[in-house]
């Protein structure tokens, strides 16, 4: 799968959110893994996830969501693993405020500061872009 990296960190990157990531995501709301505090409820279908990702294009400037990719370095090659997503919601200009949220469902993404690094990369986007 082709990943479109927007921000690169030490162990984590933020990438363009894609429909293909929803294949991994749908298990998390259905098993109630890593989604505490969100509005996600089972049953959650692949079609629902893909529709949500498609709708992000029309919400540019209002809701901006990035895939959280964990780096799996193997020798010379860097591989990426989708572990969740994070975003800015209800962005309000010119007052410069928004809500933020993250979902990290993959257990390997909930260790080693992955969420912290992802949120710092999101802040870079919020304040620089």
C-alpha atoms as a PDB file:
ATOM      1  CA  UNK A   1       0.000   0.000   0.000  1.00  0.00           C
ATOM      2  CA  UNK A   2       1.206   3.492  -0.825  1.00  0.00           C
ATOM      3  CA  UNK A   3       1.368   5.819   2.202  1.00  0.00           C
ATOM      4  CA  UNK A   4       1.297   9.580   1.663  1.00  0.00           C
ATOM      5  CA  UNK A   5       3.412  10.934   4.519  1.00  0.00           C
ATOM      6  CA  UNK A   6       2.666  14.499   5.613  1.00  0.00           C
ATOM      7  CA  UNK A   7       4.775  14.740   8.786  1.00  0.00           C
ATOM      8  CA  UNK A   8       7.654  12.457   9.762  1.00  0.00           C
ATOM      9  CA  UNK A   9       8.689  11.905  13.372  1.00  0.00           C
ATOM     10  CA  UNK A  10      11.258   9.663  15.020  1.00  0.00           C
ATOM     11  CA  UNK A  11       8.996   6.598  15.483  1.00  0.00           C
ATOM     12  CA  UNK A  12       5.715   7.919  14.109  1.00  0.00           C
ATOM     13  CA  UNK A  13       4.441   9.652  10.988  1.00  0.00           C
ATOM     14  CA  UNK A  14       1.183  11.358  10.099  1.00  0.00           C
ATOM     15  CA  UNK A  15      -0.161  10.511   6.664  1.00  0.00           C
ATOM     16  CA  UNK A  16      -3.105  11.229   4.428  1.00  0.00           C
ATOM     17  CA  UNK A  17      -6.106   9.287   5.722  1.00  0.00           C
ATOM     18  CA  UNK A  18      -7.117   6.613   3.183  1.00  0.00           C
ATOM     19  CA  UNK A  19     -10.035   4.240   2.822  1.00  0.00           C
ATOM     20  CA  UNK A  20      -7.680   1.233   2.941  1.00  0.00           C
ATOM     21  CA  UNK A  21      -6.862   1.968   6.598  1.00  0.00           C
ATOM     22  CA  UNK A  22     -10.475   1.276   7.517  1.00  0.00           C
ATOM     23  CA  UNK A  23      -9.903  -2.471   7.042  1.00  0.00           C
ATOM     24  CA  UNK A  24      -7.722  -2.386  10.174  1.00  0.00           C
ATOM     25  CA  UNK A  25      -9.842   0.223  11.953  1.00  0.00           C
ATOM     26  CA  UNK A  26     -13.263  -1.487  11.911  1.00  0.00           C
ATOM     27  CA  UNK A  27     -12.204  -4.122  14.425  1.00  0.00           C
ATOM     28  CA  UNK A  28     -11.487  -1.482  17.087  1.00  0.00           C
ATOM     29  CA  UNK A  29     -14.939   0.117  17.490  1.00  0.00           C
ATOM     30  CA  UNK A  30     -16.580  -3.287  17.193  1.00  0.00           C
ATOM     31  CA  UNK A  31     -14.412  -4.709  19.995  1.00  0.00           C
ATOM     32  CA  UNK A  32     -14.367  -1.376  21.906  1.00  0.00           C
ATOM     33  CA  UNK A  33     -10.549  -1.165  21.721  1.00  0.00           C
ATOM     34  CA  UNK A  34      -8.839   2.220  22.022  1.00  0.00           C
ATOM     35  CA  UNK A  35     -11.954   4.272  21.305  1.00  0.00           C
ATOM     36  CA  UNK A  36     -12.919   5.428  24.805  1.00  0.00           C
ATOM     37  CA  UNK A  37     -14.234   8.973  24.754  1.00  0.00           C
ATOM     38  CA  UNK A  38     -15.225   8.850  21.077  1.00  0.00           C
ATOM     39  CA  UNK A  39     -18.640   8.673  19.446  1.00  0.00           C
ATOM     40  CA  UNK A  40     -17.846   5.342  17.761  1.00  0.00           C
ATOM     41  CA  UNK A  41     -20.263   2.535  18.636  1.00  0.00           C
ATOM     42  CA  UNK A  42     -20.709  -1.005  17.349  1.00  0.00           C
ATOM     43  CA  UNK A  43     -21.744  -2.236  14.929  1.00  0.00           C
ATOM     44  CA  UNK A  44     -19.318  -0.371  12.668  1.00  0.00           C
ATOM     45  CA  UNK A  45     -18.958  -1.531   9.066  1.00  0.00           C
ATOM     46  CA  UNK A  46     -16.199  -1.151   6.510  1.00  0.00           C
ATOM     47  CA  UNK A  47     -18.584   0.878   4.321  1.00  0.00           C
ATOM     48  CA  UNK A  48     -19.225   3.310   7.200  1.00  0.00           C
ATOM     49  CA  UNK A  49     -15.494   3.846   7.670  1.00  0.00           C
ATOM     50  CA  UNK A  50     -14.824   4.319   3.982  1.00  0.00           C
ATOM     51  CA  UNK A  51     -17.699   6.799   3.688  1.00  0.00           C
ATOM     52  CA  UNK A  52     -16.277   8.795   6.623  1.00  0.00           C
ATOM     53  CA  UNK A  53     -12.847   8.975   4.957  1.00  0.00           C
ATOM     54  CA  UNK A  54     -14.385  10.087   1.637  1.00  0.00           C
ATOM     55  CA  UNK A  55     -16.310  12.844   3.436  1.00  0.00           C
ATOM     56  CA  UNK A  56     -13.066  14.296   4.833  1.00  0.00           C
ATOM     57  CA  UNK A  57     -12.245  15.834   1.437  1.00  0.00           C
ATOM     58  CA  UNK A  58     -15.313  18.066   1.609  1.00  0.00           C
ATOM     59  CA  UNK A  59     -14.487  19.130   5.185  1.00  0.00           C
ATOM     60  CA  UNK A  60     -10.983  20.443   4.494  1.00  0.00           C
ATOM     61  CA  UNK A  61     -10.390  23.433   6.750  1.00  0.00           C
ATOM     62  CA  UNK A  62     -13.114  22.256   9.155  1.00  0.00           C
ATOM     63  CA  UNK A  63     -12.006  18.708  10.008  1.00  0.00           C
ATOM     64  CA  UNK A  64      -8.480  17.547   9.191  1.00  0.00           C
ATOM     65  CA  UNK A  65      -7.633  13.962  10.091  1.00  0.00           C
ATOM     66  CA  UNK A  66      -4.334  12.117   9.654  1.00  0.00           C
ATOM     67  CA  UNK A  67      -3.477   8.436   9.842  1.00  0.00           C
ATOM     68  CA  UNK A  68      -0.987   7.611  12.604  1.00  0.00           C
ATOM     69  CA  UNK A  69       1.685   5.332  11.161  1.00  0.00           C
ATOM     70  CA  UNK A  70       4.198   3.541  13.354  1.00  0.00           C
ATOM     71  CA  UNK A  71       7.630   3.024  11.820  1.00  0.00           C
ATOM     72  CA  UNK A  72       8.737  -0.586  11.451  1.00  0.00           C
ATOM     73  CA  UNK A  73      12.374  -0.232  10.431  1.00  0.00           C
ATOM     74  CA  UNK A  74      13.817  -3.405   8.976  1.00  0.00           C
ATOM     75  CA  UNK A  75      17.372  -2.887   7.817  1.00  0.00           C
ATOM     76  CA  UNK A  76      17.519  -0.324   5.026  1.00  0.00           C
ATOM     77  CA  UNK A  77      13.781  -0.283   4.407  1.00  0.00           C
ATOM     78  CA  UNK A  78      11.213   1.645   6.431  1.00  0.00           C
ATOM     79  CA  UNK A  79       7.759   0.142   6.620  1.00  0.00           C
ATOM     80  CA  UNK A  80       4.712   1.801   8.076  1.00  0.00           C
ATOM     81  CA  UNK A  81       1.897   0.309  10.132  1.00  0.00           C
ATOM     82  CA  UNK A  82      -1.447   2.061  10.562  1.00  0.00           C
ATOM     83  CA  UNK A  83      -2.177   2.152  14.309  1.00  0.00           C
ATOM     84  CA  UNK A  84      -4.883   4.820  14.487  1.00  0.00           C
ATOM     85  CA  UNK A  85      -5.709   8.370  13.526  1.00  0.00           C
ATOM     86  CA  UNK A  86      -5.723  11.853  14.983  1.00  0.00           C
ATOM     87  CA  UNK A  87      -7.211  15.114  13.886  1.00  0.00           C
ATOM     88  CA  UNK A  88      -8.449  18.635  14.352  1.00  0.00           C
ATOM     89  CA  UNK A  89     -12.222  19.022  14.384  1.00  0.00           C
ATOM     90  CA  UNK A  90     -14.607  21.970  14.129  1.00  0.00           C
ATOM     91  CA  UNK A  91     -11.726  24.275  13.145  1.00  0.00           C
ATOM     92  CA  UNK A  92     -12.796  27.870  13.597  1.00  0.00           C
ATOM     93  CA  UNK A  93     -11.066  30.708  11.777  1.00  0.00           C
ATOM     94  CA  UNK A  94     -10.033  33.447  12.464  1.00  0.00           C
ATOM     95  CA  UNK A  95     -10.212  32.645  16.188  1.00  0.00           C
ATOM     96  CA  UNK A  96      -7.765  29.744  15.697  1.00  0.00           C
ATOM     97  CA  UNK A  97      -9.415  27.117  17.838  1.00  0.00           C
ATOM     98  CA  UNK A  98     -10.429  23.507  17.267  1.00  0.00           C
ATOM     99  CA  UNK A  99     -11.178  20.281  19.077  1.00  0.00           C
ATOM    100  CA  UNK A 100      -8.792  17.388  18.793  1.00  0.00           C
ATOM    101  CA  UNK A 101      -9.048  13.669  19.196  1.00  0.00           C
ATOM    102  CA  UNK A 102      -7.122  10.471  18.622  1.00  0.00           C
ATOM    103  CA  UNK A 103      -7.859   6.787  18.282  1.00  0.00           C
ATOM    104  CA  UNK A 104      -5.056   4.269  18.710  1.00  0.00           C
ATOM    105  CA  UNK A 105      -6.453   0.773  18.482  1.00  0.00           C
ATOM    106  CA  UNK A 106      -3.345  -1.238  17.657  1.00  0.00           C
ATOM    107  CA  UNK A 107      -1.680  -2.280  20.954  1.00  0.00           C
ATOM    108  CA  UNK A 108       1.795  -1.658  19.458  1.00  0.00           C
ATOM    109  CA  UNK A 109       0.765   1.957  18.932  1.00  0.00           C
ATOM    110  CA  UNK A 110      -0.032   2.405  22.617  1.00  0.00           C
ATOM    111  CA  UNK A 111       3.528   2.214  23.821  1.00  0.00           C
ATOM    112  CA  UNK A 112       6.763   4.118  23.491  1.00  0.00           C
ATOM    113  CA  UNK A 113       5.248   7.576  23.082  1.00  0.00           C
ATOM    114  CA  UNK A 114       3.493   6.986  19.776  1.00  0.00           C
ATOM    115  CA  UNK A 115       0.429   8.994  20.790  1.00  0.00           C
ATOM    116  CA  UNK A 116       2.552  11.802  22.223  1.00  0.00           C
ATOM    117  CA  UNK A 117       4.645  12.079  19.072  1.00  0.00           C
ATOM    118  CA  UNK A 118       1.544  11.959  16.869  1.00  0.00           C
ATOM    119  CA  UNK A 119      -0.069  14.769  18.851  1.00  0.00           C
ATOM    120  CA  UNK A 120       3.108  16.877  18.607  1.00  0.00           C
ATOM    121  CA  UNK A 121       3.135  16.387  14.818  1.00  0.00           C
ATOM    122  CA  UNK A 122      -0.557  17.383  14.763  1.00  0.00           C
ATOM    123  CA  UNK A 123       0.286  20.545  16.702  1.00  0.00           C
ATOM    124  CA  UNK A 124       2.970  21.344  14.130  1.00  0.00           C
ATOM    125  CA  UNK A 125       0.264  21.144  11.471  1.00  0.00           C
ATOM    126  CA  UNK A 126      -2.179  23.221  13.536  1.00  0.00           C
ATOM    127  CA  UNK A 127       0.188  26.063  14.291  1.00  0.00           C
ATOM    128  CA  UNK A 128       2.390  26.144  11.188  1.00  0.00           C
ATOM    129  CA  UNK A 129      -0.108  25.297   8.436  1.00  0.00           C
END
